[in-house]
Protein backbone atom coordinates (compact mmCIF):
# COMPACT_ATOMS: atom_id res chain seq x y z
CA MET A 1 -1.72 -26.90 -2.88
CA ASP A 2 0.09 -29.08 -5.35
CA GLY A 3 0.19 -32.54 -3.78
CA HIS A 4 3.97 -32.19 -3.49
CA PHE A 5 4.88 -29.35 -1.10
CA VAL A 6 1.80 -30.36 0.88
CA PRO A 7 -0.05 -33.66 0.48
CA ASN A 8 -3.36 -32.18 -0.66
CA LEU A 9 -4.60 -30.52 -3.87
CA THR A 10 -6.70 -27.39 -4.36
CA PHE A 11 -7.81 -25.16 -7.21
CA GLY A 12 -5.58 -23.07 -9.43
CA PRO A 13 -5.56 -19.94 -11.60
CA PRO A 14 -8.70 -20.80 -13.66
CA ILE A 15 -10.86 -20.66 -10.51
CA VAL A 16 -9.27 -17.37 -9.42
CA LYS A 17 -9.90 -15.95 -12.90
CA ALA A 18 -13.55 -17.06 -12.86
CA LEU A 19 -14.11 -15.56 -9.39
CA ARG A 20 -12.25 -12.35 -10.28
CA ALA A 21 -15.00 -11.53 -12.77
CA LYS A 22 -17.56 -11.68 -9.95
CA THR A 23 -16.02 -9.27 -7.40
CA SER A 24 -13.65 -6.37 -6.91
CA LEU A 25 -12.66 -7.60 -3.45
CA PRO A 26 -8.93 -8.26 -3.05
CA PHE A 27 -7.80 -11.83 -3.69
CA ASP A 28 -5.11 -13.22 -1.39
CA VAL A 29 -3.52 -16.33 -2.90
CA HIS A 30 -1.44 -18.60 -0.66
CA LEU A 31 0.77 -20.85 -2.77
CA MET A 32 1.51 -24.02 -0.82
CA VAL A 33 3.46 -25.44 -3.73
CA SER A 34 6.92 -26.51 -4.73
CA ASN A 35 8.47 -24.14 -7.27
CA PRO A 36 6.06 -21.20 -6.77
CA GLU A 37 8.00 -19.31 -9.45
CA ALA A 38 6.28 -21.47 -12.07
CA LEU A 39 2.79 -20.36 -10.97
CA VAL A 40 3.11 -16.72 -9.97
CA ASP A 41 2.60 -15.27 -13.45
CA ASP A 42 -0.55 -17.37 -13.94
CA PHE A 43 -2.04 -16.17 -10.65
CA ILE A 44 -1.15 -12.57 -11.46
CA ALA A 45 -2.87 -12.91 -14.85
CA ALA A 46 -5.88 -14.52 -13.14
CA GLY A 47 -6.35 -11.46 -10.93
CA ALA A 48 -4.67 -12.20 -7.59
CA ASP A 49 -3.87 -9.06 -5.57
CA TRP A 50 -1.73 -10.62 -2.84
CA ILE A 51 0.53 -13.59 -3.52
CA THR A 52 2.10 -15.48 -0.63
CA PHE A 53 4.60 -18.29 -1.10
CA HIS A 54 6.60 -20.43 1.30
CA ALA A 55 10.17 -19.54 2.19
CA GLU A 56 10.88 -23.27 2.27
CA ALA A 57 9.77 -23.67 -1.38
CA SER A 58 11.74 -20.91 -3.07
CA VAL A 59 15.51 -20.76 -3.37
CA HIS A 60 15.36 -17.25 -4.84
CA ALA A 61 12.69 -15.65 -2.67
CA ASN A 62 14.08 -12.15 -3.11
CA ARG A 63 13.75 -12.46 -6.89
CA LEU A 64 10.20 -13.83 -6.60
CA ILE A 65 9.16 -10.95 -4.36
CA SER A 66 10.55 -8.55 -6.98
CA VAL A 67 8.52 -10.26 -9.71
CA ILE A 68 5.34 -9.95 -7.64
CA HIS A 69 6.00 -6.28 -6.86
CA ALA A 70 6.88 -5.49 -10.48
CA ALA A 71 3.39 -6.70 -11.41
CA GLY A 72 1.91 -4.19 -8.95
CA LYS A 73 0.87 -6.89 -6.49
CA LYS A 74 1.56 -7.41 -2.78
CA ALA A 75 4.05 -10.12 -1.82
CA GLY A 76 3.80 -12.36 1.20
CA ILE A 77 6.19 -14.93 2.61
CA SER A 78 5.02 -17.88 4.70
CA ILE A 79 6.81 -20.18 7.10
CA VAL A 80 5.81 -23.61 8.37
CA PRO A 81 5.93 -24.39 12.12
CA SER A 82 9.49 -25.77 11.97
CA THR A 83 10.99 -22.72 10.24
CA PRO A 84 12.33 -19.97 12.52
CA VAL A 85 11.65 -16.28 11.96
CA SER A 86 15.41 -15.79 11.57
CA ALA A 87 15.17 -17.52 8.16
CA LEU A 88 13.30 -14.42 6.94
CA LYS A 89 15.85 -11.83 8.07
CA GLU A 90 16.82 -10.68 4.57
CA LEU A 91 13.20 -10.61 3.33
CA LEU A 92 11.44 -8.71 6.11
CA PRO A 93 12.36 -5.27 4.76
CA ILE A 94 10.75 -6.01 1.37
CA VAL A 95 7.67 -8.18 2.01
CA ASP A 96 4.15 -6.88 2.51
CA MET A 97 2.98 -9.79 4.67
CA VAL A 98 4.45 -12.59 6.75
CA LEU A 99 2.16 -15.59 7.13
CA VAL A 100 2.90 -17.79 10.13
CA MET A 101 1.51 -21.27 9.63
CA THR A 102 0.32 -22.46 13.03
CA VAL A 103 -0.27 -25.99 11.74
CA ASN A 104 1.66 -28.15 9.31
CA PRO A 105 -0.02 -27.12 6.06
CA GLY A 106 -2.08 -29.39 3.90
CA PHE A 107 -5.22 -30.36 5.79
CA GLY A 108 -7.99 -28.41 7.50
CA GLY A 109 -9.18 -28.98 11.04
CA GLN A 110 -5.79 -29.33 12.71
CA GLU A 111 -4.97 -28.12 16.21
CA LEU A 112 -3.05 -24.84 16.48
CA ILE A 113 0.58 -25.30 17.56
CA LEU A 114 0.77 -22.77 20.40
CA SER A 115 4.54 -22.30 20.20
CA CYS A 116 4.05 -20.72 16.76
CA LEU A 117 2.44 -17.70 18.40
CA GLU A 118 5.87 -16.76 19.72
CA LYS A 119 6.84 -16.18 16.08
CA VAL A 120 4.04 -13.65 15.78
CA ARG A 121 5.36 -11.78 18.82
CA GLU A 122 8.89 -11.89 17.43
CA LEU A 123 7.77 -10.58 14.04
CA LYS A 124 5.81 -7.74 15.64
CA LYS A 125 8.85 -6.78 17.73
CA ILE A 126 11.16 -6.77 14.70
CA LYS A 127 8.62 -4.75 12.71
CA GLN A 128 8.45 -2.09 15.40
CA GLU A 129 12.19 -1.96 16.10
CA CYS A 130 13.13 -1.74 12.40
CA ASP A 131 10.13 0.32 11.22
CA PHE A 132 9.15 -2.31 8.66
CA SER A 133 5.72 -2.21 7.04
CA TYR A 134 4.68 -5.86 6.67
CA ILE A 135 1.53 -7.24 8.25
CA VAL A 136 1.51 -10.49 10.20
CA SER A 137 -1.01 -13.18 9.38
CA VAL A 138 -1.77 -16.53 11.05
CA ASP A 139 -3.24 -19.58 9.36
CA GLY A 140 -4.15 -22.88 10.97
CA GLY A 141 -6.17 -24.07 13.93
CA VAL A 142 -7.98 -20.77 14.49
CA ASN A 143 -11.27 -21.41 16.27
CA PRO A 144 -13.29 -19.74 19.06
CA LYS A 145 -10.89 -21.14 21.70
CA THR A 146 -7.65 -20.09 19.98
CA LEU A 147 -8.75 -16.81 18.38
CA PRO A 148 -8.17 -14.73 21.55
CA LEU A 149 -4.64 -16.18 21.86
CA VAL A 150 -3.89 -15.43 18.21
CA LEU A 151 -5.12 -11.86 18.55
CA ASP A 152 -3.29 -11.32 21.86
CA ALA A 153 -0.04 -12.38 20.15
CA GLY A 154 -0.47 -9.38 17.82
CA THR A 155 -1.76 -10.96 14.62
CA ASP A 156 -3.00 -8.45 12.04
CA VAL A 157 -4.83 -10.94 9.81
CA VAL A 158 -6.44 -14.24 10.79
CA VAL A 159 -7.13 -17.03 8.32
CA SER A 160 -9.76 -19.50 9.42
CA GLY A 161 -10.98 -22.33 7.24
CA SER A 162 -12.60 -25.27 8.99
CA SER A 163 -13.91 -23.34 11.98
CA PHE A 164 -15.38 -20.64 9.77
CA PHE A 165 -17.08 -23.05 7.38
CA LEU A 166 -18.43 -25.10 10.28
CA GLY A 167 -20.06 -21.92 11.60
CA GLU A 168 -18.01 -21.88 14.82
CA LEU A 169 -16.64 -18.36 14.33
CA ASP A 170 -18.82 -15.27 14.35
CA CYS A 171 -16.96 -12.88 12.06
CA ARG A 172 -19.09 -9.81 12.74
């Protein structure tokens, strides 16, 4: 987070690089930033395996996906609650992941916007009909109450921050 695309700030490539030395687990970096093109190379060099950026933040998303793939990394595209799946039409054949934000990004502990789960269903339908290979991820408002709804919608990957760190979710 850069304090511009979203109102909050988080850590950057130096933290990813420091953690990379401690584990071989895959690192999934979600860039909630304006101008993600300016940071992608730094996160690649730091050791990120998956790099997701927002469709709303990149004018040349196709080019950015190509840069990520050329580095041997997986590329993800994310959309905020107000962005329709149709905005991703040209990118779905080439991305590895679509991240549906189910809250307005920037702050933890928000309530999941239930209408966003329809996007998950739509993405799963398109994937099946077109034989695309992307996975669908959901981030925002996932807790013990909403997790069954998120999974029933067809989500492949669930991101949970506040609920996980508060010990509300049993991830076994």
